[in-house]
Amino acid sequence: MNIHWLRWHKGHRGGRGRHRGHKRGRGGPRGLGGYLRRVLRGQRAAGDTPHGPRPPELNDALFLSVLITAAVLLFGSVEAWALALVGGAIVIYFNFRLYRMQAAPFQSGGGRIVPAGMRLSTAGFAALVLIQLIPIPLSAIREVFSRPEYGFLKELSLSTPGGAAPWHSLSIDADETIRAAVRFLLYVMVFFVAFLAGGNRRALKRAFSILAFFGLAMTVFAIIQKAAWNGRIYWFRALRNGGSPFGPFVNRDHFAGFEGMVFPLGLALALETRRVEKALLYVFVSAVTAVGIFYSLSRGGIVSFMVSGLVFLLLVRIKKSGGKPVYFLALFAAAFAVYIACLGISPVIGRFETGGVSSSQRLLIWRGALGAARDFKWSGTGLGTFREIFPLYNPGLQPRVDFAHNDYINLAVETGLPGLLLALIFFASLGKAVYNCFREGRVPYLLCGLLASVSYMLVHSMFDFNLHIPANAITFSAVTGFLAAGIQDGGFHEGGKEIDGGGLHRHPLPHPAGARRRLPGHGADNRDAQDRTPGRHRGHSRKPSCHERPLR
């Protein structure tokens, strides 16, 4: 007998579990006040099932899905008011999650912990940004750092009101660095929540499903908006600084960046599910989402899509599954080819020839940015200060360049070699854990989708600045957190069931020897909880179920 079911049946459904005088008013078990009190105390809420309390990972997955959806719909959260709304939601839920962990301690995913390299590199990057904000004597900068850096900071100190200042921070614009540091802290919070939810298979599938269908909706909306374009996003929001909008994003590359992280998730669900009709639905959703990447005419998005697709095929091939993945992947390729044939391939070819920031302009930007990275190689110019330093290295380039159109070069300019090295350690640690997971044969399809999603953004970051768009950075942080949780030793779990490369183990772990549970309303009786079956008298022997019989 499942002890959770008995508690739910007696206490939660009312009747036999309540003491005399207990009421169901606004503060009772069914009221809003009682619900909030139980949530804050870490107790089960009204959404509990007969199989036990509702896992907190499901709430985490739902929050992240709604957060990403809102961040994308609010023009990618690039404006200050949109980022304030999204950031406020992140901070509130993060602190609420910490409070829940203190009120009802638990180990997410069976004792999972972020790999040491990822933890140390994240802490080191935060320390580096903090060092950039600390005022340092100019004499020390001259002795320790490079001469161009000392000369530039000295000119900044001379231009300050009141004359030369003997102290200056390593960041050339401390205000911009503080804003960028706040955004980085928000992304770390999203990663933490995603890591807590990522070990639960049900939570992961729920997040995948919501994001996959949202990606489909965004593709359909973007195509309709382009067909009925009136110069305004959502047909009412005018463009302030120009751009090449597609969907809710001002830049088509950013739309492709989000859709590229979403389409492998739907494809992973198609291979994960056992129902053919659901698998066909997810194949259709992924195919339409992939078509949206091509229809956006983002060159970096198209190249990254091809690389991500090859990574997904390679991972499925390494998994060495049966014929089912081959059939569904072939169906995905056929549907994708039909859609592309209907839309036409000539606009895509023309896009690779002209339009947007040309290849020659990108080379000029990268050349000037590499010069700044060479001069500020030990400390960087300060997180978020690329737009302030770049005009000094290529002042004739028009229009004004705010980012390097390469997130790796951009990071090298703003944080120097230390920041670039810390980022390399972070992803190297993640890659090592992924390699160990493959070597042990634990490769579920959900993990293949996450790896393809991360690989898409890592490739696209070579040609654009998607990680400087809050909506895409939040999505990437969530996907990376899911991946970091899924590659742990325990595999994916679901309510006491372990999911790994070998499949679903339906035999729950036995209770510790001699463990006895006390039911509500029966304080004097301390018999074993499994003997408390309704309708069965004391001493009645119960035949063990199929899940409790020993394996032969």
Protein backbone atom coordinates (compact mmCIF):
# COMPACT_ATOMS: atom_id res chain seq x y z
CA MET A 1 0.00 0.00 0.00
CA ASN A 2 1.38 3.39 -0.98
CA ILE A 3 1.65 5.48 2.18
CA HIS A 4 1.34 8.72 0.17
CA TRP A 5 -2.00 7.58 -1.26
CA LEU A 6 -3.33 6.75 2.19
CA ARG A 7 -2.35 10.15 3.55
CA TRP A 8 -3.91 11.88 0.57
CA HIS A 9 -7.06 9.76 0.85
CA LYS A 10 -7.55 10.33 4.57
CA GLY A 11 -6.32 13.87 5.13
CA HIS A 12 -6.45 15.73 1.83
CA ARG A 13 -9.84 14.54 0.59
CA GLY A 14 -11.46 15.36 3.89
CA GLY A 15 -13.81 13.34 6.06
CA ARG A 16 -11.98 10.68 8.03
CA GLY A 17 -8.69 12.54 8.49
CA ARG A 18 -9.94 15.76 10.13
CA HIS A 19 -10.32 16.36 13.81
CA ARG A 20 -13.44 17.84 15.40
CA GLY A 21 -13.78 21.58 14.93
CA HIS A 22 -11.70 21.71 11.76
CA LYS A 23 -13.24 23.99 9.14
CA ARG A 24 -12.73 24.41 5.44
CA GLY A 25 -12.96 28.17 5.40
CA ARG A 26 -10.63 30.55 3.61
CA GLY A 27 -7.76 29.47 5.83
CA GLY A 28 -8.58 25.74 5.69
CA PRO A 29 -7.07 23.04 3.51
CA ARG A 30 -9.07 24.11 0.47
CA GLY A 31 -8.81 27.86 1.03
CA LEU A 32 -6.30 30.30 -0.42
CA GLY A 33 -4.79 31.08 2.98
CA GLY A 34 -4.20 27.43 3.78
CA TYR A 35 -2.70 26.86 0.36
CA LEU A 36 -0.21 29.69 0.78
CA ARG A 37 0.71 28.54 4.28
CA ARG A 38 1.40 25.01 3.07
CA VAL A 39 3.49 26.28 0.18
CA LEU A 40 5.61 28.48 2.43
CA ARG A 41 6.09 25.64 4.90
CA GLY A 42 7.19 23.24 2.19
CA GLN A 43 4.14 21.01 2.60
CA ARG A 44 2.21 19.48 -0.27
CA ALA A 45 -0.28 21.74 -2.01
CA ALA A 46 -3.68 21.20 -3.54
CA GLY A 47 -2.10 19.82 -6.69
CA ASP A 48 -0.78 16.71 -4.97
CA THR A 49 -1.57 13.37 -6.51
CA PRO A 50 -2.43 10.04 -4.88
CA HIS A 51 1.14 8.93 -5.63
CA GLY A 52 2.72 11.54 -3.38
CA PRO A 53 3.33 15.27 -3.11
CA ARG A 54 3.76 17.31 -6.23
CA PRO A 55 7.49 17.50 -7.05
CA PRO A 56 8.81 21.09 -6.81
CA GLU A 57 10.68 20.50 -10.07
CA LEU A 58 7.37 20.66 -11.95
CA ASN A 59 6.78 24.18 -10.62
CA ASP A 60 10.33 25.12 -11.60
CA ALA A 61 9.81 23.88 -15.15
CA LEU A 62 6.50 25.72 -15.44
CA PHE A 63 8.04 28.95 -14.15
CA LEU A 64 10.96 28.76 -16.58
CA SER A 65 8.64 28.07 -19.50
CA VAL A 66 6.40 31.03 -18.65
CA LEU A 67 9.46 33.22 -18.03
CA ILE A 68 11.02 32.42 -21.41
CA THR A 69 7.68 32.94 -23.13
CA ALA A 70 7.23 36.36 -21.53
CA ALA A 71 10.83 37.39 -22.19
CA VAL A 72 10.46 36.62 -25.90
CA LEU A 73 7.07 38.29 -26.27
CA LEU A 74 8.35 41.49 -24.62
CA PHE A 75 10.49 42.27 -27.70
CA GLY A 76 13.24 39.97 -26.47
CA SER A 77 13.43 41.95 -23.19
CA VAL A 78 15.97 44.33 -24.72
CA GLU A 79 14.25 47.43 -23.35
CA ALA A 80 14.77 48.53 -19.77
CA TRP A 81 11.14 48.19 -18.66
CA ALA A 82 10.85 44.67 -20.11
CA LEU A 83 14.09 43.53 -18.51
CA ALA A 84 12.94 45.01 -15.19
CA LEU A 85 9.73 42.95 -15.30
CA VAL A 86 11.50 39.74 -16.27
CA GLY A 87 14.35 40.31 -13.82
CA GLY A 88 11.95 41.04 -10.99
CA ALA A 89 10.14 37.75 -11.63
CA ILE A 90 13.46 35.89 -11.60
CA VAL A 91 14.59 37.42 -8.31
CA ILE A 92 11.23 36.78 -6.61
CA TYR A 93 11.01 33.14 -7.67
CA PHE A 94 14.68 32.49 -6.92
CA ASN A 95 14.34 33.76 -3.36
CA PHE A 96 11.07 31.88 -2.94
CA ARG A 97 12.83 28.70 -4.09
CA LEU A 98 15.62 29.24 -1.60
CA TYR A 99 13.08 29.71 1.17
CA ARG A 100 11.33 26.51 0.17
CA MET A 101 14.62 24.64 0.28
CA GLN A 102 15.22 25.87 3.82
CA ALA A 103 11.67 25.09 4.95
CA ALA A 104 11.59 21.64 3.33
CA PRO A 105 15.13 20.54 2.50
CA PHE A 106 15.45 18.17 -0.41
CA GLN A 107 18.11 16.94 -2.79
CA SER A 108 17.21 17.75 -6.33
CA GLY A 109 17.61 14.81 -8.64
CA GLY A 110 18.92 12.40 -6.06
CA GLY A 111 21.86 14.42 -4.73
CA ARG A 112 22.96 16.10 -7.95
CA ILE A 113 25.56 18.82 -7.76
CA VAL A 114 26.90 21.16 -10.41
CA PRO A 115 30.31 19.97 -11.72
CA ALA A 116 33.21 21.57 -9.89
CA GLY A 117 34.63 23.22 -13.00
CA MET A 118 31.33 24.95 -13.74
CA ARG A 119 30.95 26.15 -10.14
CA LEU A 120 34.51 27.46 -9.85
CA SER A 121 34.47 29.18 -13.25
CA THR A 122 31.16 30.92 -12.47
CA ALA A 123 32.46 32.10 -9.10
CA GLY A 124 35.73 33.19 -10.70
CA PHE A 125 33.91 35.19 -13.37
CA ALA A 126 31.83 36.96 -10.72
CA ALA A 127 35.03 37.78 -8.81
CA LEU A 128 36.63 39.12 -11.99
CA VAL A 129 33.72 41.48 -12.61
CA LEU A 130 33.90 42.63 -9.00
CA ILE A 131 37.63 43.36 -9.38
CA GLN A 132 36.87 45.44 -12.47
CA LEU A 133 34.65 47.69 -10.35
CA ILE A 134 37.13 48.26 -7.48
CA PRO A 135 39.06 51.57 -7.72
CA ILE A 136 42.81 50.93 -8.09
CA PRO A 137 45.70 53.44 -7.97
CA LEU A 138 46.88 54.39 -11.46
CA SER A 139 50.47 53.71 -10.40
CA ALA A 140 49.57 50.09 -9.68
CA ILE A 141 47.85 49.79 -13.05
CA ARG A 142 51.01 51.09 -14.74
CA GLU A 143 53.18 48.51 -12.97
CA VAL A 144 50.91 45.50 -13.35
CA PHE A 145 48.97 45.95 -16.57
CA SER A 146 49.85 46.96 -20.11
CA ARG A 147 50.96 50.46 -21.09
CA PRO A 148 48.02 51.20 -23.47
CA GLU A 149 45.59 50.33 -20.70
CA TYR A 150 47.37 52.65 -18.27
CA GLY A 151 47.43 55.48 -20.78
CA PHE A 152 43.73 55.15 -21.60
CA LEU A 153 42.68 55.05 -17.96
CA LYS A 154 44.90 58.03 -17.21
CA GLU A 155 43.16 60.03 -19.92
CA LEU A 156 39.80 59.04 -18.42
CA SER A 157 40.91 60.22 -14.98
CA LEU A 158 42.10 63.56 -16.45
CA SER A 159 38.74 64.07 -18.16
CA THR A 160 36.78 63.64 -14.92
CA PRO A 161 35.36 66.79 -13.30
CA GLY A 162 37.70 68.24 -10.75
CA GLY A 163 40.97 67.29 -12.44
CA ALA A 164 43.09 64.16 -12.38
CA ALA A 165 42.11 61.39 -10.01
CA PRO A 166 44.83 59.09 -8.64
CA TRP A 167 42.38 56.17 -8.47
CA HIS A 168 40.30 54.53 -11.19
CA SER A 169 38.52 51.24 -11.70
CA LEU A 170 39.70 48.79 -14.35
CA SER A 171 36.35 49.22 -16.08
CA ILE A 172 36.25 52.23 -18.36
CA ASP A 173 32.54 52.69 -17.53
CA ALA A 174 31.59 51.40 -14.10
CA ASP A 175 27.88 52.09 -14.62
CA GLU A 176 27.70 49.89 -17.72
CA THR A 177 29.65 47.17 -15.92
CA ILE A 178 27.20 47.22 -13.01
CA ARG A 179 24.26 46.84 -15.40
CA ALA A 180 25.96 43.94 -17.17
CA ALA A 181 26.81 42.33 -13.81
CA VAL A 182 23.14 42.47 -12.78
CA ARG A 183 22.15 40.72 -16.00
CA PHE A 184 24.82 38.07 -15.42
CA LEU A 185 23.47 37.49 -11.90
CA LEU A 186 19.96 37.01 -13.31
CA TYR A 187 21.25 34.39 -15.76
CA VAL A 188 22.98 32.54 -12.92
CA MET A 189 19.68 32.44 -11.03
CA VAL A 190 17.92 30.99 -14.08
CA PHE A 191 20.66 28.37 -14.39
CA PHE A 192 20.20 27.42 -10.73
CA VAL A 193 16.42 26.96 -11.06
CA ALA A 194 16.86 25.00 -14.29
CA PHE A 195 19.42 22.74 -12.62
CA LEU A 196 16.95 21.95 -9.85
CA ALA A 197 14.27 21.04 -12.39
CA GLY A 198 16.50 19.34 -14.94
CA GLY A 199 16.87 16.03 -13.15
CA ASN A 200 13.13 15.34 -13.17
CA ARG A 201 11.99 13.72 -16.40
CA ARG A 202 8.38 14.87 -16.08
CA ALA A 203 9.46 18.46 -15.47
CA LEU A 204 11.86 18.35 -18.39
CA LYS A 205 9.25 16.97 -20.77
CA ARG A 206 6.77 19.61 -19.65
CA ALA A 207 9.25 22.42 -20.31
CA PHE A 208 10.22 20.90 -23.67
CA SER A 209 6.58 20.63 -24.73
CA ILE A 210 5.70 24.21 -23.78
CA LEU A 211 8.77 25.66 -25.51
CA ALA A 212 8.28 23.52 -28.62
CA PHE A 213 4.68 24.67 -29.12
CA PHE A 214 5.64 28.24 -28.30
CA GLY A 215 8.34 28.06 -30.98
CA LEU A 216 5.70 26.88 -33.44
CA ALA A 217 3.41 29.76 -32.48
CA MET A 218 6.24 32.26 -32.90
CA THR A 219 7.07 30.91 -36.36
CA VAL A 220 3.46 31.19 -37.51
CA PHE A 221 3.15 34.68 -36.04
CA ALA A 222 6.41 35.84 -37.62
CA ILE A 223 5.35 34.63 -41.07
CA ILE A 224 1.94 36.31 -40.78
CA GLN A 225 3.52 39.54 -39.52
CA LYS A 226 5.97 39.56 -42.40
CA ALA A 227 3.19 38.99 -44.93
CA ALA A 228 1.13 41.85 -43.44
CA TRP A 229 4.06 44.07 -42.45
CA ASN A 230 3.18 47.72 -41.77
CA GLY A 231 6.54 48.81 -40.33
CA ARG A 232 5.59 48.04 -36.71
CA ILE A 233 6.16 45.02 -34.45
CA TYR A 234 2.81 43.54 -33.40
CA TRP A 235 1.42 46.07 -35.88
CA PHE A 236 1.53 48.84 -33.25
CA ARG A 237 5.13 49.19 -31.92
CA ALA A 238 7.26 51.40 -34.16
CA LEU A 239 10.99 50.74 -34.63
CA ARG A 240 13.11 53.41 -32.95
CA ASN A 241 16.58 52.56 -34.26
CA GLY A 242 15.74 50.61 -37.39
CA GLY A 243 16.70 46.98 -37.81
CA SER A 244 15.48 43.90 -39.66
CA PRO A 245 12.63 42.70 -37.44
CA PHE A 246 11.15 39.23 -37.53
CA GLY A 247 8.54 38.12 -35.05
CA PRO A 248 8.81 39.95 -31.72
CA PHE A 249 12.56 40.56 -32.20
CA VAL A 250 14.07 43.66 -33.76
CA ASN A 251 16.76 41.58 -35.48
CA ARG A 252 16.04 38.47 -37.54
CA ASP A 253 19.23 36.84 -36.23
CA HIS A 254 17.90 36.95 -32.70
CA PHE A 255 14.64 35.31 -33.76
CA ALA A 256 16.66 32.55 -35.43
CA GLY A 257 18.78 32.24 -32.29
CA PHE A 258 15.74 31.51 -30.14
CA GLU A 259 14.09 29.16 -32.64
CA GLY A 260 17.35 27.29 -33.12
CA MET A 261 17.50 26.45 -29.42
CA VAL A 262 13.87 25.29 -29.44
CA PHE A 263 13.59 23.01 -32.46
CA PRO A 264 15.84 20.18 -31.09
CA LEU A 265 13.65 20.00 -27.98
CA GLY A 266 10.55 19.08 -29.96
CA LEU A 267 12.52 16.56 -31.99
CA ALA A 268 13.78 14.95 -28.78
CA LEU A 269 10.20 14.65 -27.52
CA ALA A 270 9.21 12.96 -30.77
CA LEU A 271 11.81 10.26 -30.20
CA GLU A 272 11.16 10.03 -26.47
CA THR A 273 7.42 9.42 -26.54
CA ARG A 274 5.99 5.94 -27.11
CA ARG A 275 2.74 7.09 -28.71
CA VAL A 276 2.97 7.39 -32.47
CA GLU A 277 0.38 10.17 -32.79
CA LYS A 278 2.24 12.35 -30.28
CA ALA A 279 5.54 11.64 -32.00
CA LEU A 280 4.09 12.72 -35.36
CA LEU A 281 2.77 15.91 -33.75
CA TYR A 282 6.20 16.80 -32.33
CA VAL A 283 7.85 16.06 -35.68
CA PHE A 284 5.44 18.50 -37.33
CA VAL A 285 6.11 21.14 -34.66
CA SER A 286 9.89 20.80 -35.04
CA ALA A 287 9.71 20.94 -38.84
CA VAL A 288 7.69 24.16 -38.83
CA THR A 289 10.04 25.70 -36.25
CA ALA A 290 13.06 24.79 -38.40
CA VAL A 291 11.37 26.34 -41.42
CA GLY A 292 11.02 29.56 -39.42
CA ILE A 293 14.82 29.71 -39.11
CA PHE A 294 15.19 29.59 -42.90
CA TYR A 295 12.29 31.97 -43.48
CA SER A 296 13.96 34.54 -41.21
CA LEU A 297 16.87 34.61 -43.73
CA SER A 298 19.44 34.62 -40.93
CA ARG A 299 22.70 33.36 -42.39
CA GLY A 300 24.23 32.56 -39.03
CA GLY A 301 21.00 30.85 -37.97
CA ILE A 302 20.93 28.65 -41.09
CA VAL A 303 24.55 27.57 -40.68
CA SER A 304 24.04 26.89 -36.97
CA PHE A 305 20.88 24.91 -37.74
CA MET A 306 22.82 22.61 -40.05
CA VAL A 307 25.53 22.06 -37.43
CA SER A 308 22.96 21.44 -34.69
CA GLY A 309 21.08 18.98 -36.89
CA LEU A 310 24.27 17.06 -37.59
CA VAL A 311 25.06 16.97 -33.86
CA PHE A 312 21.61 15.57 -33.12
CA LEU A 313 21.95 12.89 -35.81
CA LEU A 314 25.39 11.94 -34.51
CA LEU A 315 24.11 11.63 -30.94
CA VAL A 316 21.20 9.45 -32.03
CA ARG A 317 23.63 7.32 -34.02
CA ILE A 318 25.87 6.91 -30.97
CA LYS A 319 22.85 5.92 -28.89
CA LYS A 320 22.38 2.94 -31.30
CA SER A 321 18.63 2.74 -30.96
CA GLY A 322 16.27 0.71 -33.11
CA GLY A 323 14.53 1.75 -36.31
CA LYS A 324 12.05 4.18 -34.72
CA PRO A 325 14.43 7.20 -34.63
CA VAL A 326 15.38 6.66 -38.27
CA TYR A 327 11.76 6.74 -39.40
CA PHE A 328 10.86 9.88 -37.49
CA LEU A 329 14.04 11.72 -38.48
CA ALA A 330 13.39 10.84 -42.11
CA LEU A 331 9.83 12.14 -41.71
CA PHE A 332 11.18 15.36 -40.20
CA ALA A 333 13.60 15.82 -43.12
CA ALA A 334 10.81 15.16 -45.64
CA ALA A 335 8.42 17.62 -44.01
CA PHE A 336 11.15 20.22 -43.75
CA ALA A 337 12.06 19.78 -47.44
CA VAL A 338 8.40 20.15 -48.48
CA TYR A 339 8.02 23.38 -46.55
CA ILE A 340 11.25 24.81 -47.96
CA ALA A 341 10.20 23.85 -51.49
CA CYS A 342 6.88 25.66 -51.00
CA LEU A 343 8.53 28.81 -49.66
CA GLY A 344 11.36 28.79 -52.18
CA ILE A 345 15.11 28.52 -51.73
CA SER A 346 16.11 31.52 -53.84
CA PRO A 347 15.62 34.10 -51.03
CA VAL A 348 17.95 32.07 -48.82
CA ILE A 349 20.62 31.99 -51.53
CA GLY A 350 20.24 35.71 -52.12
CA ARG A 351 20.56 36.40 -48.42
CA PHE A 352 23.99 34.73 -48.33
CA GLU A 353 25.13 37.05 -51.10
CA THR A 354 23.98 40.43 -49.74
CA GLY A 355 22.16 42.14 -46.89
CA GLY A 356 22.73 43.19 -43.28
CA VAL A 357 26.20 43.38 -41.86
CA SER A 358 28.31 42.13 -44.77
CA SER A 359 31.29 39.82 -44.43
CA SER A 360 33.72 42.67 -45.07
CA GLN A 361 32.10 44.78 -42.33
CA ARG A 362 32.29 41.88 -39.90
CA LEU A 363 35.97 41.46 -40.66
CA LEU A 364 36.55 45.15 -39.95
CA ILE A 365 34.67 44.88 -36.67
CA TRP A 366 36.58 41.78 -35.63
CA ARG A 367 39.93 43.38 -36.55
CA GLY A 368 39.26 46.46 -34.42
CA ALA A 369 37.89 44.36 -31.56
CA LEU A 370 40.95 42.10 -31.57
CA GLY A 371 43.12 45.20 -31.31
CA ALA A 372 41.22 46.30 -28.21
CA ALA A 373 41.45 42.79 -26.76
CA ARG A 374 45.23 42.84 -27.30
CA ASP A 375 45.65 46.16 -25.48
CA PHE A 376 43.40 45.16 -22.56
CA LYS A 377 44.33 41.49 -22.47
CA TRP A 378 44.85 41.15 -18.69
CA SER A 379 41.80 42.90 -17.24
CA GLY A 380 39.51 43.79 -20.13
CA THR A 381 37.72 47.08 -20.62
CA GLY A 382 34.91 46.11 -18.24
CA LEU A 383 31.86 43.95 -18.71
CA GLY A 384 29.35 45.67 -21.00
CA THR A 385 31.71 48.41 -22.25
CA PHE A 386 32.35 47.30 -25.84
CA ARG A 387 30.37 50.16 -27.36
CA GLU A 388 32.50 52.70 -25.43
CA ILE A 389 35.91 51.30 -26.42
CA PHE A 390 35.33 50.23 -30.02
CA PRO A 391 35.08 53.73 -31.64
CA LEU A 392 38.72 54.35 -30.61
CA TYR A 393 39.90 51.39 -32.71
CA ASN A 394 37.71 51.88 -35.77
CA PRO A 395 36.17 55.36 -35.66
CA GLY A 396 35.21 55.50 -39.34
CA LEU A 397 32.85 52.51 -39.35
CA GLN A 398 29.20 53.46 -39.72
CA PRO A 399 26.66 52.92 -38.29
CA ARG A 400 27.78 52.78 -34.69
CA VAL A 401 28.75 49.28 -33.55
CA ASP A 402 27.46 48.21 -30.14
CA PHE A 403 28.69 44.60 -30.21
CA ALA A 404 31.43 42.64 -31.94
CA HIS A 405 29.02 40.30 -33.80
CA ASN A 406 31.00 37.51 -32.16
CA ASP A 407 30.32 36.76 -28.51
CA TYR A 408 33.75 35.21 -27.97
CA ILE A 409 35.65 38.26 -29.25
CA ASN A 410 33.24 40.49 -27.35
CA LEU A 411 34.01 38.59 -24.15
CA ALA A 412 37.76 38.85 -24.76
CA VAL A 413 37.51 42.63 -25.14
CA GLU A 414 35.42 43.18 -22.02
CA THR A 415 37.02 40.66 -19.63
CA GLY A 416 40.41 39.93 -21.20
CA LEU A 417 42.15 36.58 -21.22
CA PRO A 418 40.99 35.70 -17.67
CA GLY A 419 37.32 35.94 -18.63
CA LEU A 420 37.84 33.99 -21.83
CA LEU A 421 39.72 31.29 -19.91
CA LEU A 422 36.96 31.01 -17.29
CA ALA A 423 34.33 30.58 -20.02
CA LEU A 424 36.47 27.88 -21.60
CA ILE A 425 36.75 26.08 -18.25
CA PHE A 426 32.98 26.24 -17.80
CA PHE A 427 32.18 24.58 -21.12
CA ALA A 428 35.14 22.20 -20.89
CA SER A 429 33.80 20.93 -17.56
CA LEU A 430 30.37 20.53 -19.12
CA GLY A 431 31.87 18.70 -22.09
CA LYS A 432 33.81 16.35 -19.84
CA ALA A 433 30.65 15.41 -17.95
CA VAL A 434 28.86 14.83 -21.26
CA TYR A 435 31.69 12.59 -22.43
CA ASN A 436 31.49 10.53 -19.24
CA CYS A 437 27.75 10.21 -19.73
CA PHE A 438 28.22 8.86 -23.25
CA ARG A 439 30.98 6.53 -22.18
CA GLU A 440 28.70 4.97 -19.57
CA GLY A 441 25.92 4.51 -22.13
CA ARG A 442 23.40 6.85 -20.47
CA VAL A 443 22.13 8.80 -23.49
CA PRO A 444 18.38 9.50 -23.35
CA TYR A 445 16.81 11.39 -26.23
CA LEU A 446 16.11 14.37 -23.98
CA LEU A 447 19.85 14.70 -23.46
CA CYS A 448 20.43 14.60 -27.22
CA GLY A 449 18.00 17.49 -27.67
CA LEU A 450 19.70 19.56 -24.98
CA LEU A 451 23.14 18.99 -26.47
CA ALA A 452 21.92 19.96 -29.94
CA SER A 453 20.33 23.12 -28.49
CA VAL A 454 23.52 24.17 -26.69
CA SER A 455 25.65 23.40 -29.76
CA TYR A 456 23.39 25.60 -31.89
CA MET A 457 23.96 28.64 -29.72
CA LEU A 458 27.70 28.02 -29.38
CA VAL A 459 28.00 28.04 -33.18
CA HIS A 460 25.65 30.99 -33.73
CA SER A 461 27.62 33.03 -31.19
CA MET A 462 30.51 33.07 -33.68
CA PHE A 463 28.50 35.25 -36.07
CA ASP A 464 26.24 37.33 -33.86
CA PHE A 465 25.57 38.62 -30.34
CA ASN A 466 22.58 36.48 -29.29
CA LEU A 467 23.87 36.11 -25.73
CA HIS A 468 23.53 39.88 -25.30
CA ILE A 469 19.78 39.60 -25.92
CA PRO A 470 18.17 38.87 -22.52
CA ALA A 471 15.47 36.52 -23.88
CA ASN A 472 18.01 34.35 -25.71
CA ALA A 473 20.48 34.48 -22.82
CA ILE A 474 17.76 33.34 -20.39
CA THR A 475 16.79 30.49 -22.73
CA PHE A 476 20.43 29.43 -23.09
CA SER A 477 20.94 29.55 -19.30
CA ALA A 478 17.87 27.37 -18.77
CA VAL A 479 18.91 24.84 -21.41
CA THR A 480 22.44 24.68 -19.99
CA GLY A 481 21.03 24.15 -16.49
CA PHE A 482 18.82 21.32 -17.76
CA LEU A 483 21.83 19.74 -19.43
CA ALA A 484 24.06 20.07 -16.36
CA ALA A 485 21.43 18.22 -14.30
CA GLY A 486 20.73 15.54 -16.90
CA ILE A 487 24.33 14.40 -17.29
CA GLN A 488 24.74 13.52 -13.62
CA ASP A 489 25.28 9.96 -12.47
CA GLY A 490 21.69 9.31 -11.41
CA GLY A 491 20.13 9.93 -14.80
CA PHE A 492 16.65 11.45 -15.03
CA HIS A 493 14.27 10.59 -12.20
CA GLU A 494 10.51 10.75 -11.89
CA GLY A 495 8.85 10.32 -8.51
CA GLY A 496 11.14 7.59 -7.20
CA LYS A 497 11.73 6.06 -10.64
CA GLU A 498 15.13 6.39 -12.24
CA ILE A 499 15.53 7.16 -15.92
CA ASP A 500 18.86 6.51 -17.57
CA GLY A 501 20.15 5.12 -20.81
CA GLY A 502 18.81 1.70 -19.90
CA GLY A 503 15.22 2.88 -19.60
CA LEU A 504 12.61 3.10 -16.87
CA HIS A 505 13.06 1.07 -13.68
CA ARG A 506 9.59 0.53 -12.26
CA HIS A 507 10.69 -1.09 -8.99
CA PRO A 508 10.69 1.53 -6.22
CA LEU A 509 13.34 1.48 -3.59
CA PRO A 510 12.20 -0.31 -0.40
CA HIS A 511 11.72 1.59 2.82
CA PRO A 512 14.60 1.36 5.29
CA ALA A 513 14.44 -1.65 7.57
CA GLY A 514 12.34 -1.02 10.64
CA ALA A 515 11.06 2.31 9.33
CA ARG A 516 7.60 3.11 10.69
CA ARG A 517 5.32 5.93 9.66
CA ARG A 518 2.69 7.73 11.70
CA LEU A 519 -0.54 8.66 10.00
CA PRO A 520 -2.51 11.82 10.80
CA GLY A 521 -5.27 11.20 13.29
CA HIS A 522 -3.72 7.96 14.60
CA GLY A 523 -1.05 9.19 16.97
CA ALA A 524 -1.39 6.36 19.47
CA ASP A 525 -1.09 3.66 16.87
CA ASN A 526 2.44 3.14 15.57
CA ARG A 527 2.03 0.11 13.40
CA ASP A 528 3.72 -0.27 10.04
CA ALA A 529 2.11 2.01 7.46
CA GLN A 530 1.93 -0.67 4.81
CA ASP A 531 -0.48 -2.73 6.98
CA ARG A 532 -2.91 0.19 7.15
CA THR A 533 -5.06 -0.69 4.19
CA PRO A 534 -8.68 0.56 4.37
CA GLY A 535 -11.15 -2.29 4.75
CA ARG A 536 -8.59 -4.81 6.06
CA HIS A 537 -8.65 -5.95 9.70
CA ARG A 538 -5.57 -6.32 11.86
CA GLY A 539 -3.61 -9.47 11.17
CA HIS A 540 -4.88 -9.80 7.64
CA SER A 541 -2.00 -10.70 5.35
CA ARG A 542 -1.75 -8.84 2.07
CA LYS A 543 -0.43 -10.38 -1.09
CA PRO A 544 2.48 -8.28 -2.40
CA SER A 545 1.88 -6.43 -5.64
CA CYS A 546 3.85 -7.05 -8.79
CA HIS A 547 6.02 -4.01 -8.07
CA GLU A 548 7.02 -5.36 -4.64
CA ARG A 549 7.89 -8.91 -5.64
CA PRO A 550 11.59 -9.68 -5.88
CA LEU A 551 13.11 -9.93 -9.33
CA ARG A 552 13.97 -13.43 -10.54
